[in-house]
Amino acid sequence: MPFNDVVKLLLPVSRIGSAFVDGKSRSWWILYAFLSGKHEEIVKGTGQDHLYERTDMLAKQRAQKLKVPAEPFPVPEFMNLLRHHWHQEQTKAQGTPALAYHEVNRSLVVVDAYTKFVLRTQELRSRMRRAI
């Protein structure tokens, strides 16, 4: 699965949820925070608390840069996006999800081998952040 196929897979996910900071959806900010992680977080999963904190920090930094108020990101909405909405979007038309919330580990994980391969390096994750 080439890079562009993974972009096509993740782009609809990035559009889920209401507008947040800078006109980007709440899911865009979560995905951006996830893709900002280190290699081991992509391979093993990013804990929900760490992902939430990173999402919040990145959105607040952007809001400060734009000189706009940063509204809080309600934790229940954050979890609902990860647990339900992302899964529903990815499994439309009986698709297999690339990203999933792992209930036992309480983390966001890459479950698709090709997606994990595409996201293996910081350079490719940076490129993916620009693409979404």
C-alpha atoms as a PDB file:
ATOM      1  CA  MET A   1       0.000   0.000   0.000  1.00  0.00           C
ATOM      2  CA  PRO A   2       1.750   3.173  -1.117  1.00  0.00           C
ATOM      3  CA  PHE A   3       1.871   6.373   0.898  1.00  0.00           C
ATOM      4  CA  ASN A   4      -1.034   7.947  -1.019  1.00  0.00           C
ATOM      5  CA  ASP A   5      -3.272   4.987  -0.214  1.00  0.00           C
ATOM      6  CA  VAL A   6      -2.642   5.490   3.498  1.00  0.00           C
ATOM      7  CA  VAL A   7      -3.429   9.199   3.072  1.00  0.00           C
ATOM      8  CA  LYS A   8      -6.743   8.224   1.434  1.00  0.00           C
ATOM      9  CA  LEU A   9      -7.413   5.882   4.330  1.00  0.00           C
ATOM     10  CA  LEU A  10      -6.668   8.424   7.072  1.00  0.00           C
ATOM     11  CA  LEU A  11      -8.051  11.576   5.471  1.00  0.00           C
ATOM     12  CA  PRO A  12     -11.727  10.728   6.147  1.00  0.00           C
ATOM     13  CA  VAL A  13     -10.837   9.942   9.762  1.00  0.00           C
ATOM     14  CA  SER A  14      -9.153  13.326  10.105  1.00  0.00           C
ATOM     15  CA  ARG A  15     -12.418  15.052   9.167  1.00  0.00           C
ATOM     16  CA  ILE A  16     -14.562  13.515  11.920  1.00  0.00           C
ATOM     17  CA  GLY A  17     -15.860  15.762  14.666  1.00  0.00           C
ATOM     18  CA  SER A  18     -16.664  19.388  15.163  1.00  0.00           C
ATOM     19  CA  ALA A  19     -14.300  22.210  14.294  1.00  0.00           C
ATOM     20  CA  PHE A  20     -11.707  22.841  16.951  1.00  0.00           C
ATOM     21  CA  VAL A  21      -8.640  25.051  16.660  1.00  0.00           C
ATOM     22  CA  ASP A  22      -7.673  26.643  13.330  1.00  0.00           C
ATOM     23  CA  GLY A  23     -10.800  25.246  11.661  1.00  0.00           C
ATOM     24  CA  LYS A  24      -9.480  21.678  11.889  1.00  0.00           C
ATOM     25  CA  SER A  25     -11.716  18.944  13.235  1.00  0.00           C
ATOM     26  CA  ARG A  26     -11.163  17.422  16.637  1.00  0.00           C
ATOM     27  CA  SER A  27     -10.112  14.165  14.951  1.00  0.00           C
ATOM     28  CA  TRP A  28      -7.579  16.048  12.849  1.00  0.00           C
ATOM     29  CA  TRP A  29      -5.916  17.251  16.044  1.00  0.00           C
ATOM     30  CA  ILE A  30      -5.891  13.743  17.552  1.00  0.00           C
ATOM     31  CA  LEU A  31      -4.445  12.242  14.382  1.00  0.00           C
ATOM     32  CA  TYR A  32      -1.890  15.047  14.113  1.00  0.00           C
ATOM     33  CA  ALA A  33      -0.838  14.426  17.727  1.00  0.00           C
ATOM     34  CA  PHE A  34      -0.595  10.682  17.083  1.00  0.00           C
ATOM     35  CA  LEU A  35       1.541  11.214  13.997  1.00  0.00           C
ATOM     36  CA  SER A  36       3.761  13.555  16.013  1.00  0.00           C
ATOM     37  CA  GLY A  37       4.740  10.631  18.235  1.00  0.00           C
ATOM     38  CA  LYS A  38       7.912   8.606  18.272  1.00  0.00           C
ATOM     39  CA  HIS A  39       8.529   5.355  16.431  1.00  0.00           C
ATOM     40  CA  GLU A  40       7.850   3.184  19.485  1.00  0.00           C
ATOM     41  CA  GLU A  41       4.476   4.890  19.972  1.00  0.00           C
ATOM     42  CA  ILE A  42       3.505   4.004  16.423  1.00  0.00           C
ATOM     43  CA  VAL A  43       4.705   0.407  16.816  1.00  0.00           C
ATOM     44  CA  LYS A  44       3.371  -0.288  20.321  1.00  0.00           C
ATOM     45  CA  GLY A  45       0.533   2.227  20.546  1.00  0.00           C
ATOM     46  CA  THR A  46       0.081   5.602  22.154  1.00  0.00           C
ATOM     47  CA  GLY A  47      -1.555   5.621  25.565  1.00  0.00           C
ATOM     48  CA  GLN A  48      -4.828   7.535  25.692  1.00  0.00           C
ATOM     49  CA  ASP A  49      -3.672   9.885  28.463  1.00  0.00           C
ATOM     50  CA  HIS A  50      -0.448  10.746  26.652  1.00  0.00           C
ATOM     51  CA  LEU A  51      -2.306  11.173  23.351  1.00  0.00           C
ATOM     52  CA  TYR A  52      -4.894  13.423  24.999  1.00  0.00           C
ATOM     53  CA  GLU A  53      -2.202  15.580  26.613  1.00  0.00           C
ATOM     54  CA  ARG A  54      -0.275  15.897  23.343  1.00  0.00           C
ATOM     55  CA  THR A  55      -3.446  16.737  21.409  1.00  0.00           C
ATOM     56  CA  ASP A  56      -4.380  19.389  23.953  1.00  0.00           C
ATOM     57  CA  MET A  57      -0.856  20.849  24.016  1.00  0.00           C
ATOM     58  CA  LEU A  58      -0.567  21.081  20.214  1.00  0.00           C
ATOM     59  CA  ALA A  59      -4.021  22.657  19.861  1.00  0.00           C
ATOM     60  CA  LYS A  60      -3.292  25.188  22.621  1.00  0.00           C
ATOM     61  CA  GLN A  61       0.047  26.105  21.028  1.00  0.00           C
ATOM     62  CA  ARG A  62      -1.686  26.720  17.706  1.00  0.00           C
ATOM     63  CA  ALA A  63      -4.437  28.753  19.370  1.00  0.00           C
ATOM     64  CA  GLN A  64      -1.840  30.929  21.100  1.00  0.00           C
ATOM     65  CA  LYS A  65      -0.048  31.464  17.803  1.00  0.00           C
ATOM     66  CA  LEU A  66      -3.336  32.513  16.192  1.00  0.00           C
ATOM     67  CA  LYS A  67      -4.231  34.580  19.275  1.00  0.00           C
ATOM     68  CA  VAL A  68      -7.586  32.871  19.693  1.00  0.00           C
ATOM     69  CA  PRO A  69      -9.037  31.289  22.834  1.00  0.00           C
ATOM     70  CA  ALA A  70      -8.355  27.581  23.274  1.00  0.00           C
ATOM     71  CA  GLU A  71     -11.493  25.804  24.370  1.00  0.00           C
ATOM     72  CA  PRO A  72     -11.027  22.614  26.379  1.00  0.00           C
ATOM     73  CA  PHE A  73     -11.355  19.304  24.557  1.00  0.00           C
ATOM     74  CA  PRO A  74     -13.841  17.287  26.630  1.00  0.00           C
ATOM     75  CA  VAL A  75     -12.363  13.894  27.518  1.00  0.00           C
ATOM     76  CA  PRO A  76     -15.663  12.043  26.868  1.00  0.00           C
ATOM     77  CA  GLU A  77     -15.764  13.452  23.326  1.00  0.00           C
ATOM     78  CA  PHE A  78     -12.100  12.532  22.801  1.00  0.00           C
ATOM     79  CA  MET A  79     -12.786   8.939  23.875  1.00  0.00           C
ATOM     80  CA  ASN A  80     -15.989   8.710  21.833  1.00  0.00           C
ATOM     81  CA  LEU A  81     -14.072   9.705  18.718  1.00  0.00           C
ATOM     82  CA  LEU A  82     -11.395   7.070  19.314  1.00  0.00           C
ATOM     83  CA  ARG A  83     -13.696   4.272  20.394  1.00  0.00           C
ATOM     84  CA  HIS A  84     -16.655   4.686  18.074  1.00  0.00           C
ATOM     85  CA  HIS A  85     -16.518   7.296  15.337  1.00  0.00           C
ATOM     86  CA  TRP A  86     -13.063   6.391  14.029  1.00  0.00           C
ATOM     87  CA  HIS A  87     -13.986   2.711  13.907  1.00  0.00           C
ATOM     88  CA  GLN A  88     -17.283   3.429  12.130  1.00  0.00           C
ATOM     89  CA  GLU A  89     -15.588   5.593   9.501  1.00  0.00           C
ATOM     90  CA  GLN A  90     -12.866   3.053   8.784  1.00  0.00           C
ATOM     91  CA  THR A  91     -15.208   0.074   8.561  1.00  0.00           C
ATOM     92  CA  LYS A  92     -17.682   1.639   6.141  1.00  0.00           C
ATOM     93  CA  ALA A  93     -18.244  -0.691   3.213  1.00  0.00           C
ATOM     94  CA  GLN A  94     -16.739  -3.516   5.289  1.00  0.00           C
ATOM     95  CA  GLY A  95     -13.271  -1.967   5.325  1.00  0.00           C
ATOM     96  CA  THR A  96     -10.572  -3.043   7.735  1.00  0.00           C
ATOM     97  CA  PRO A  97      -9.467  -0.314  10.136  1.00  0.00           C
ATOM     98  CA  ALA A  98      -5.884   0.936  10.048  1.00  0.00           C
ATOM     99  CA  LEU A  99      -6.094   2.565  13.489  1.00  0.00           C
ATOM    100  CA  ALA A 100      -8.007   1.224  16.452  1.00  0.00           C
ATOM    101  CA  TYR A 101      -8.508   1.942  20.114  1.00  0.00           C
ATOM    102  CA  HIS A 102      -7.132  -0.942  22.203  1.00  0.00           C
ATOM    103  CA  GLU A 103      -9.415  -1.211  25.246  1.00  0.00           C
ATOM    104  CA  VAL A 104      -7.094  -3.382  27.337  1.00  0.00           C
ATOM    105  CA  ASN A 105      -3.979  -1.248  26.821  1.00  0.00           C
ATOM    106  CA  ARG A 106      -6.011   1.984  26.692  1.00  0.00           C
ATOM    107  CA  SER A 107      -4.105   3.146  23.640  1.00  0.00           C
ATOM    108  CA  LEU A 108      -4.434   4.058  19.988  1.00  0.00           C
ATOM    109  CA  VAL A 109      -2.711   1.423  17.874  1.00  0.00           C
ATOM    110  CA  VAL A 110      -1.937   0.872  14.209  1.00  0.00           C
ATOM    111  CA  VAL A 111      -3.532  -2.464  13.289  1.00  0.00           C
ATOM    112  CA  ASP A 112      -2.769  -2.450   9.574  1.00  0.00           C
ATOM    113  CA  ALA A 113       0.709  -3.695   8.593  1.00  0.00           C
ATOM    114  CA  TYR A 114       0.973  -1.476   5.487  1.00  0.00           C
ATOM    115  CA  THR A 115      -0.028   1.611   7.454  1.00  0.00           C
ATOM    116  CA  LYS A 116       2.542   0.741  10.118  1.00  0.00           C
ATOM    117  CA  PHE A 117       5.141   0.333   7.366  1.00  0.00           C
ATOM    118  CA  VAL A 118       4.286   3.729   5.853  1.00  0.00           C
ATOM    119  CA  LEU A 119       4.432   5.410   9.270  1.00  0.00           C
ATOM    120  CA  ARG A 120       7.711   3.756  10.289  1.00  0.00           C
ATOM    121  CA  THR A 121       9.953   6.827  10.068  1.00  0.00           C
ATOM    122  CA  GLN A 122       9.685  10.346  11.434  1.00  0.00           C
ATOM    123  CA  GLU A 123      10.131  11.691   7.898  1.00  0.00           C
ATOM    124  CA  LEU A 124       7.124   9.754   6.601  1.00  0.00           C
ATOM    125  CA  ARG A 125       4.989  10.710   9.617  1.00  0.00           C
ATOM    126  CA  SER A 126       5.888  14.370   9.020  1.00  0.00           C
ATOM    127  CA  ARG A 127       4.928  13.973   5.381  1.00  0.00           C
ATOM    128  CA  MET A 128       1.641  12.356   6.476  1.00  0.00           C
ATOM    129  CA  ARG A 129       0.903  15.272   8.848  1.00  0.00           C
ATOM    130  CA  ARG A 130       1.325  17.667   5.934  1.00  0.00           C
ATOM    131  CA  ALA A 131      -0.885  15.494   3.706  1.00  0.00           C
ATOM    132  CA  ILE A 132      -3.842  15.335   6.060  1.00  0.00           C
END
